[in-house]
Amino acid sequence: MNIGKMKIPFLLMLSSSLIYGCSHLNDSHLNNSSALAMEQAENKDKSKKESLVEDTYIESIISEVSREHLLVTPRVRLLLNTIQENEIQGTSQFSLLQNIDSYSLSTIDGETASEVASILYELILKSNLVVMERNTSTILDDNTILGLEAKVDPDLKKDFSFYNPSEQSYKIEWEQSGNGVKARLLGPKLDEQYNLHFEEEKSYPPKTIKQYSPAIKSNDLQVKEKGKAGKSITVIKETKDKNGAVIEKDIVAQDFYLPVHRIEIHSLVAVAPTNESSQNQEEKNIKNENVVDNQKAGSNDMNQANKETNEMIWTDPGDIVK
């Protein structure tokens, strides 16, 4: 009887221990399952983000530009690297001068900034991004592509900037290709395609400016400026849908560059000294010859004079270079 009474508390204690152990095991299993589930969710979210980045930046090249003969100086490399480091956030604006200021790039001059801006300009024109500010030079440089120049001058606050109207971010990457540069604009996949067309290219021949100097030998001339033709062109942006049909066609720029006139320096004509009587006689002879010449030539001389006036520009004595 006493033994039976002792068994009952023992059984109760054993039962309680078993119940506690099972409960503890269940809690541990639940905690482990919860941690595993959280880890799987984090990995899935991370994989999703990586997939989104891959879809946004790696698989979608919006536009590409190649500058085969651009000299990649340390300044060009530095400026391109700072642009590559940052993303162009959605509904935000990018300014090249602000980028130069934010990185304290005091060594970047206008020529370097203009070379990089011209690359960015072509990339932007071939995308859905919007050009906000773009400037051009007065005279076309030999290394500038007609219709694709973007002039930047930090001293005069002439900037190049553009706006991202979409919600997704964009990124600009570059690499050295041979002796030049290859740049890419990366972003979300787009249904539209963008192409550039150049139309109405015109050339404007330079005039000839004649100057006179006693330093030039007789019947000789010196070319001070060879001259260069002026240029103009119209840039058209064409937007196509995913089927290749043209849905929009806009004139994005009409660029004009002034001609550089040719400057020639000629010798002065020397006149031999004469006495008063012979000088007077010579003047009379010249007058008589002029009368005869005018009667013979008539209107032909006037036409020839007009033709010469139209073909060249004459400067006053104040412009003579000695």
Protein backbone atom coordinates (compact mmCIF):
# COMPACT_ATOMS: atom_id res chain seq x y z
CA MET A 1 0.00 0.00 0.00
CA ASN A 2 2.77 2.38 0.81
CA ILE A 3 4.64 1.32 -2.30
CA GLY A 4 1.56 2.08 -4.37
CA LYS A 5 1.27 5.50 -2.84
CA MET A 6 4.92 6.22 -3.65
CA LYS A 7 4.47 5.18 -7.29
CA ILE A 8 1.78 7.76 -7.88
CA PRO A 9 3.96 10.86 -7.15
CA PHE A 10 6.79 9.28 -9.14
CA LEU A 11 4.55 8.78 -12.15
CA LEU A 12 3.28 12.31 -11.90
CA MET A 13 6.84 13.68 -11.84
CA LEU A 14 7.84 11.49 -14.79
CA SER A 15 4.79 12.63 -16.76
CA SER A 16 5.56 16.28 -16.04
CA SER A 17 9.14 15.83 -17.18
CA LEU A 18 8.05 14.20 -20.41
CA ILE A 19 5.53 16.95 -21.08
CA TYR A 20 8.13 19.68 -20.42
CA GLY A 21 10.72 17.94 -22.60
CA CYS A 22 8.30 17.61 -25.49
CA SER A 23 7.24 21.21 -25.08
CA HIS A 24 10.87 22.34 -25.09
CA LEU A 25 11.58 20.31 -28.19
CA ASN A 26 8.59 21.81 -29.93
CA ASP A 27 9.70 25.34 -29.02
CA SER A 28 13.22 24.66 -30.29
CA HIS A 29 11.82 23.16 -33.49
CA LEU A 30 9.54 26.16 -33.99
CA ASN A 31 12.38 28.59 -33.34
CA ASN A 32 14.63 26.75 -35.78
CA SER A 33 11.87 26.61 -38.37
CA SER A 34 11.19 30.32 -37.91
CA ALA A 35 14.87 31.18 -38.28
CA LEU A 36 15.12 29.00 -41.37
CA ALA A 37 12.06 30.62 -42.86
CA MET A 38 13.45 34.08 -42.19
CA GLU A 39 16.77 33.12 -43.75
CA GLN A 40 15.02 31.73 -46.82
CA ALA A 41 12.94 34.90 -47.12
CA GLU A 42 16.06 37.06 -46.85
CA ASN A 43 17.85 34.97 -49.47
CA LYS A 44 14.81 35.17 -51.73
CA ASP A 45 14.61 38.95 -51.29
CA LYS A 46 18.35 39.26 -51.91
CA SER A 47 18.06 37.10 -55.01
CA LYS A 48 15.14 39.23 -56.19
CA LYS A 49 17.14 42.42 -55.69
CA GLU A 50 20.13 40.94 -57.50
CA SER A 51 17.84 39.87 -60.31
CA LEU A 52 16.38 43.38 -60.47
CA VAL A 53 19.84 44.93 -60.63
CA GLU A 54 20.81 42.44 -63.31
CA ASP A 55 17.70 43.24 -65.32
CA THR A 56 18.25 46.97 -64.84
CA TYR A 57 21.97 47.39 -65.45
CA ILE A 58 23.52 44.31 -67.04
CA GLU A 59 20.91 43.16 -69.54
CA SER A 60 19.68 46.59 -70.65
CA ILE A 61 22.12 48.71 -72.63
CA ILE A 62 20.03 51.73 -73.55
CA SER A 63 22.67 53.39 -75.74
CA GLU A 64 26.34 53.08 -76.60
CA VAL A 65 28.89 55.59 -77.91
CA SER A 66 32.38 55.05 -79.28
CA ARG A 67 35.09 57.70 -79.62
CA GLU A 68 37.94 55.91 -81.36
CA HIS A 69 40.39 58.81 -81.51
CA LEU A 70 39.71 60.51 -78.19
CA LEU A 71 42.94 60.91 -76.24
CA VAL A 72 42.32 59.41 -72.79
CA THR A 73 44.27 61.86 -70.66
CA PRO A 74 44.43 61.51 -66.85
CA ARG A 75 41.85 64.31 -66.59
CA VAL A 76 39.43 62.57 -68.97
CA ARG A 77 39.86 59.32 -67.05
CA LEU A 78 39.30 61.06 -63.70
CA LEU A 79 36.10 62.78 -64.81
CA LEU A 80 34.64 59.63 -66.41
CA ASN A 81 35.43 57.61 -63.27
CA THR A 82 33.53 60.03 -61.01
CA ILE A 83 30.50 59.84 -63.31
CA GLN A 84 30.66 56.04 -63.32
CA GLU A 85 30.66 55.88 -59.51
CA ASN A 86 27.14 57.29 -59.17
CA GLU A 87 23.69 56.25 -60.28
CA ILE A 88 21.31 58.72 -61.87
CA GLN A 89 18.32 58.35 -59.59
CA GLY A 90 14.74 58.39 -60.81
CA THR A 91 13.11 61.81 -61.36
CA SER A 92 16.42 63.56 -60.75
CA GLN A 93 18.74 65.84 -62.71
CA PHE A 94 22.43 65.38 -63.48
CA SER A 95 24.74 68.37 -63.95
CA LEU A 96 28.32 67.97 -65.14
CA LEU A 97 29.48 71.16 -63.41
CA GLN A 98 27.87 70.05 -60.14
CA ASN A 99 29.60 66.70 -60.49
CA ILE A 100 32.95 68.47 -60.97
CA ASP A 101 32.28 70.68 -57.91
CA SER A 102 31.12 67.80 -55.69
CA TYR A 103 34.38 65.91 -56.29
CA SER A 104 36.48 69.12 -56.08
CA LEU A 105 37.97 68.47 -59.51
CA SER A 106 39.74 71.82 -59.84
CA THR A 107 42.12 70.43 -62.48
CA ILE A 108 39.32 69.74 -64.97
CA ASP A 109 39.47 72.39 -67.69
CA GLY A 110 36.85 73.37 -70.25
CA GLU A 111 38.35 71.25 -73.03
CA THR A 112 38.26 68.07 -70.93
CA ALA A 113 34.74 68.79 -69.67
CA SER A 114 33.55 69.44 -73.23
CA GLU A 115 35.00 66.16 -74.51
CA VAL A 116 33.21 64.19 -71.79
CA ALA A 117 30.00 66.23 -72.17
CA SER A 118 29.89 65.45 -75.90
CA ILE A 119 29.98 61.72 -75.12
CA LEU A 120 27.20 62.11 -72.55
CA TYR A 121 25.17 64.20 -75.01
CA GLU A 122 25.11 61.45 -77.63
CA LEU A 123 24.25 58.82 -74.98
CA ILE A 124 21.33 60.90 -73.73
CA LEU A 125 19.98 61.67 -77.21
CA LYS A 126 19.72 57.91 -77.86
CA SER A 127 17.55 57.38 -74.76
CA ASN A 128 14.38 58.59 -73.07
CA LEU A 129 16.36 60.97 -70.84
CA VAL A 130 15.85 64.68 -71.47
CA VAL A 131 18.61 67.21 -72.20
CA MET A 132 18.19 70.27 -69.97
CA GLU A 133 21.21 72.43 -70.92
CA ARG A 134 23.61 72.14 -73.83
CA ASN A 135 25.92 74.72 -75.40
CA THR A 136 28.00 74.86 -78.60
CA SER A 137 31.08 76.73 -79.80
CA THR A 138 31.05 79.60 -82.30
CA ILE A 139 33.56 77.89 -84.62
CA LEU A 140 33.68 74.15 -85.29
CA ASP A 141 36.81 72.49 -83.97
CA ASP A 142 38.56 69.92 -86.15
CA ASN A 143 38.09 67.18 -83.52
CA THR A 144 34.39 67.92 -82.95
CA ILE A 145 31.67 65.77 -84.54
CA LEU A 146 29.19 68.04 -86.31
CA GLY A 147 25.83 67.89 -84.53
CA LEU A 148 27.13 66.15 -81.40
CA GLU A 149 29.08 68.87 -79.60
CA ALA A 150 28.35 69.85 -76.00
CA LYS A 151 30.45 72.83 -74.93
CA VAL A 152 31.24 73.21 -71.22
CA ASP A 153 33.03 76.19 -69.69
CA PRO A 154 33.41 76.16 -65.89
CA ASP A 155 34.53 79.82 -65.83
CA LEU A 156 31.49 81.05 -67.79
CA LYS A 157 29.13 78.57 -66.03
CA LYS A 158 28.24 76.90 -69.32
CA ASP A 159 26.97 73.50 -68.21
CA PHE A 160 25.70 70.24 -69.65
CA SER A 161 22.78 68.71 -67.76
CA PHE A 162 19.96 66.24 -68.30
CA TYR A 163 16.90 64.89 -66.48
CA ASN A 164 15.74 61.34 -65.73
CA PRO A 165 11.92 61.36 -65.98
CA SER A 166 11.42 57.69 -65.03
CA GLU A 167 11.23 56.12 -61.58
CA GLN A 168 14.14 53.75 -62.20
CA SER A 169 17.79 54.60 -61.88
CA TYR A 170 20.31 54.78 -64.72
CA LYS A 171 24.04 54.29 -64.75
CA ILE A 172 26.86 55.33 -67.08
CA GLU A 173 29.84 53.04 -67.60
CA TRP A 174 32.93 53.49 -69.72
CA GLU A 175 36.04 51.61 -70.76
CA GLN A 176 39.12 52.36 -72.79
CA SER A 177 38.86 50.83 -76.25
CA GLY A 178 42.08 50.87 -78.26
CA ASN A 179 43.16 54.49 -78.48
CA GLY A 180 39.71 55.82 -77.60
CA VAL A 181 36.70 55.44 -75.34
CA LYS A 182 33.55 53.33 -75.36
CA ALA A 183 30.70 54.46 -73.07
CA ARG A 184 27.31 52.88 -72.28
CA LEU A 185 24.08 54.09 -70.69
CA LEU A 186 22.53 51.29 -68.63
CA GLY A 187 18.99 51.27 -67.32
CA PRO A 188 15.59 49.56 -67.26
CA LYS A 189 14.35 47.73 -70.33
CA LEU A 190 12.45 50.06 -72.64
CA ASP A 191 9.77 49.32 -75.19
CA GLU A 192 10.95 52.19 -77.37
CA GLN A 193 14.09 52.54 -79.47
CA TYR A 194 15.81 55.82 -80.29
CA ASN A 195 17.81 56.71 -83.40
CA LEU A 196 19.53 59.88 -84.58
CA HIS A 197 19.45 61.30 -88.11
CA PHE A 198 21.49 64.20 -89.48
CA GLU A 199 19.90 66.27 -92.23
CA GLU A 200 20.38 69.53 -94.15
CA GLU A 201 24.15 69.68 -93.69
CA LYS A 202 25.46 72.84 -95.34
CA SER A 203 28.86 74.45 -95.86
CA TYR A 204 29.60 78.18 -95.99
CA PRO A 205 32.88 79.08 -97.79
CA PRO A 206 35.08 81.72 -96.18
CA LYS A 207 35.69 85.18 -97.67
CA THR A 208 39.18 86.55 -98.45
CA ILE A 209 40.52 89.51 -96.51
CA LYS A 210 43.44 91.40 -98.14
CA GLN A 211 45.86 93.38 -96.01
CA TYR A 212 49.01 95.28 -97.08
CA SER A 213 52.39 95.65 -95.40
CA PRO A 214 55.76 97.19 -96.44
CA ALA A 215 57.45 94.21 -94.78
CA ILE A 216 56.26 91.93 -97.60
CA LYS A 217 58.48 91.79 -100.71
CA SER A 218 57.14 92.95 -104.07
CA ASN A 219 54.73 90.55 -105.78
CA ASP A 220 54.76 88.35 -102.68
CA LEU A 221 52.11 87.57 -100.07
CA GLN A 222 51.84 86.02 -96.64
CA VAL A 223 48.86 83.89 -95.55
CA LYS A 224 48.01 84.90 -92.00
CA GLU A 225 44.89 82.69 -91.76
CA LYS A 226 44.10 79.85 -94.16
CA GLY A 227 40.39 80.08 -93.43
CA LYS A 228 37.77 77.46 -92.75
CA ALA A 229 34.30 76.88 -94.07
CA GLY A 230 31.31 77.36 -91.77
CA LYS A 231 28.92 74.48 -91.15
CA SER A 232 25.29 73.90 -90.22
CA ILE A 233 23.26 70.75 -89.60
CA THR A 234 19.87 69.62 -88.28
CA VAL A 235 19.73 66.77 -85.74
CA ILE A 236 16.54 64.68 -85.67
CA LYS A 237 15.58 62.15 -82.98
CA GLU A 238 13.39 59.27 -84.11
CA THR A 239 11.41 57.15 -81.64
CA LYS A 240 10.23 53.65 -82.61
CA ASP A 241 7.96 51.21 -80.77
CA LYS A 242 8.89 47.57 -80.06
CA ASN A 243 7.64 46.59 -83.52
CA GLY A 244 9.94 49.07 -85.23
CA ALA A 245 7.23 51.53 -86.26
CA VAL A 246 8.11 55.24 -86.01
CA ILE A 247 5.88 56.85 -83.40
CA GLU A 248 7.65 60.19 -82.99
CA LYS A 249 10.11 62.38 -84.89
CA ASP A 250 11.54 65.55 -83.33
CA ILE A 251 14.13 68.16 -84.27
CA VAL A 252 16.42 68.25 -81.23
CA ALA A 253 19.07 70.67 -82.53
CA GLN A 254 19.97 72.99 -85.40
CA ASP A 255 23.67 73.74 -85.04
CA PHE A 256 25.48 76.53 -86.91
CA TYR A 257 29.18 77.39 -86.93
CA LEU A 258 30.63 80.56 -88.45
CA PRO A 259 33.24 80.43 -91.23
CA VAL A 260 36.80 81.60 -90.55
CA HIS A 261 37.82 84.10 -93.24
CA ARG A 262 41.09 83.74 -95.15
CA ILE A 263 43.57 86.56 -94.46
CA GLU A 264 46.29 87.45 -96.99
CA ILE A 265 49.03 90.08 -96.44
CA HIS A 266 50.29 91.60 -99.72
CA SER A 267 53.23 93.89 -100.54
CA LEU A 268 52.83 97.61 -101.11
CA VAL A 269 53.29 98.99 -104.68
CA ALA A 270 56.33 101.36 -104.84
CA VAL A 271 56.07 104.60 -106.94
CA ALA A 272 59.31 106.10 -108.43
CA PRO A 273 59.91 109.84 -107.62
CA THR A 274 59.59 112.34 -110.59
CA ASN A 275 59.99 116.15 -111.10
CA GLU A 276 56.96 118.41 -111.12
CA SER A 277 56.71 118.82 -114.88
CA SER A 278 57.08 115.17 -115.66
CA GLN A 279 54.67 114.32 -112.85
CA ASN A 280 52.06 116.68 -114.28
CA GLN A 281 52.56 115.21 -117.75
CA GLU A 282 52.30 111.72 -116.34
CA GLU A 283 49.06 112.61 -114.58
CA LYS A 284 47.66 113.95 -117.86
CA ASN A 285 48.66 110.79 -119.65
CA ILE A 286 47.01 108.70 -116.97
CA LYS A 287 43.82 110.74 -117.28
CA ASN A 288 43.82 110.36 -121.06
CA GLU A 289 44.43 106.64 -120.76
CA ASN A 290 41.61 106.36 -118.26
CA VAL A 291 39.24 108.15 -120.65
CA VAL A 292 40.16 105.84 -123.49
CA ASP A 293 39.92 102.79 -121.23
CA ASN A 294 36.53 103.86 -119.95
CA GLN A 295 35.23 104.40 -123.48
CA LYS A 296 36.49 101.01 -124.59
CA ALA A 297 35.61 99.03 -121.52
CA GLY A 298 32.23 100.59 -120.76
CA SER A 299 30.15 98.57 -118.39
CA ASN A 300 32.51 95.55 -118.46
CA ASP A 301 34.89 97.24 -115.98
CA MET A 302 32.02 97.94 -113.60
CA ASN A 303 30.90 94.32 -113.72
CA GLN A 304 34.45 93.13 -113.05
CA ALA A 305 34.81 95.54 -110.12
CA ASN A 306 31.55 94.34 -108.61
CA LYS A 307 32.68 90.76 -109.00
CA GLU A 308 35.97 91.41 -107.18
CA THR A 309 34.17 93.26 -104.41
CA ASN A 310 31.87 90.29 -103.83
CA GLU A 311 34.74 87.82 -103.72
CA MET A 312 36.91 89.51 -101.09
CA ILE A 313 36.78 91.76 -98.06
CA TRP A 314 39.10 94.80 -97.85
CA THR A 315 40.34 96.16 -94.57
CA ASP A 316 41.19 99.76 -93.77
CA PRO A 317 44.82 100.86 -93.14
CA GLY A 318 44.31 100.44 -89.41
CA ASP A 319 44.19 96.66 -89.92
CA ILE A 320 47.51 96.48 -91.78
CA VAL A 321 49.87 93.99 -90.14
CA LYS A 322 53.54 95.01 -90.38
